[in-house]
Amino acid sequence: MFKLEAEPGGFAPQDFTIEDYLADQVSYHVYLLGQARLLEVEKNTNLVSSAPSALAVNLTWEGHDFIDAARSDTTWSRAIEKTKTVGGSLSFAVFKQLLESILKAQLGL
């Protein structure tokens, strides 16, 4: 998502790749980020696809909000540590709320 944020025009590049990951892996995670409403995506799953897949179009407002909350290494580390104290597994929605609550606390809100 940070890679998409860095695109000057706001749109994902047509050759969007992530180093050390197969195109199918990236496409599946783009699909999931679309389901989470963090990215606008163009679904491209077909009958011969090995998994659901999509092409990234751009970050959504919610996507920008999430990466703003996740940007700080301190905030991210605190959220990971808190997650470990409750068993190491949270839903994405709860993890996002946790990031936002840590950020609010840092801001004194």
Foldseek 3Di string as FASTA:
>chain_A
DVVLVPDPVQFADPPDDDPPDDPLVVFQVLVVCVVVQQFDWAWDDDPPRPHTGTHTTGGDPVNVLQCVLVVDPVLVVVLQVVCVVVPRDDDPVVSSVSSVVSVCVVVVD
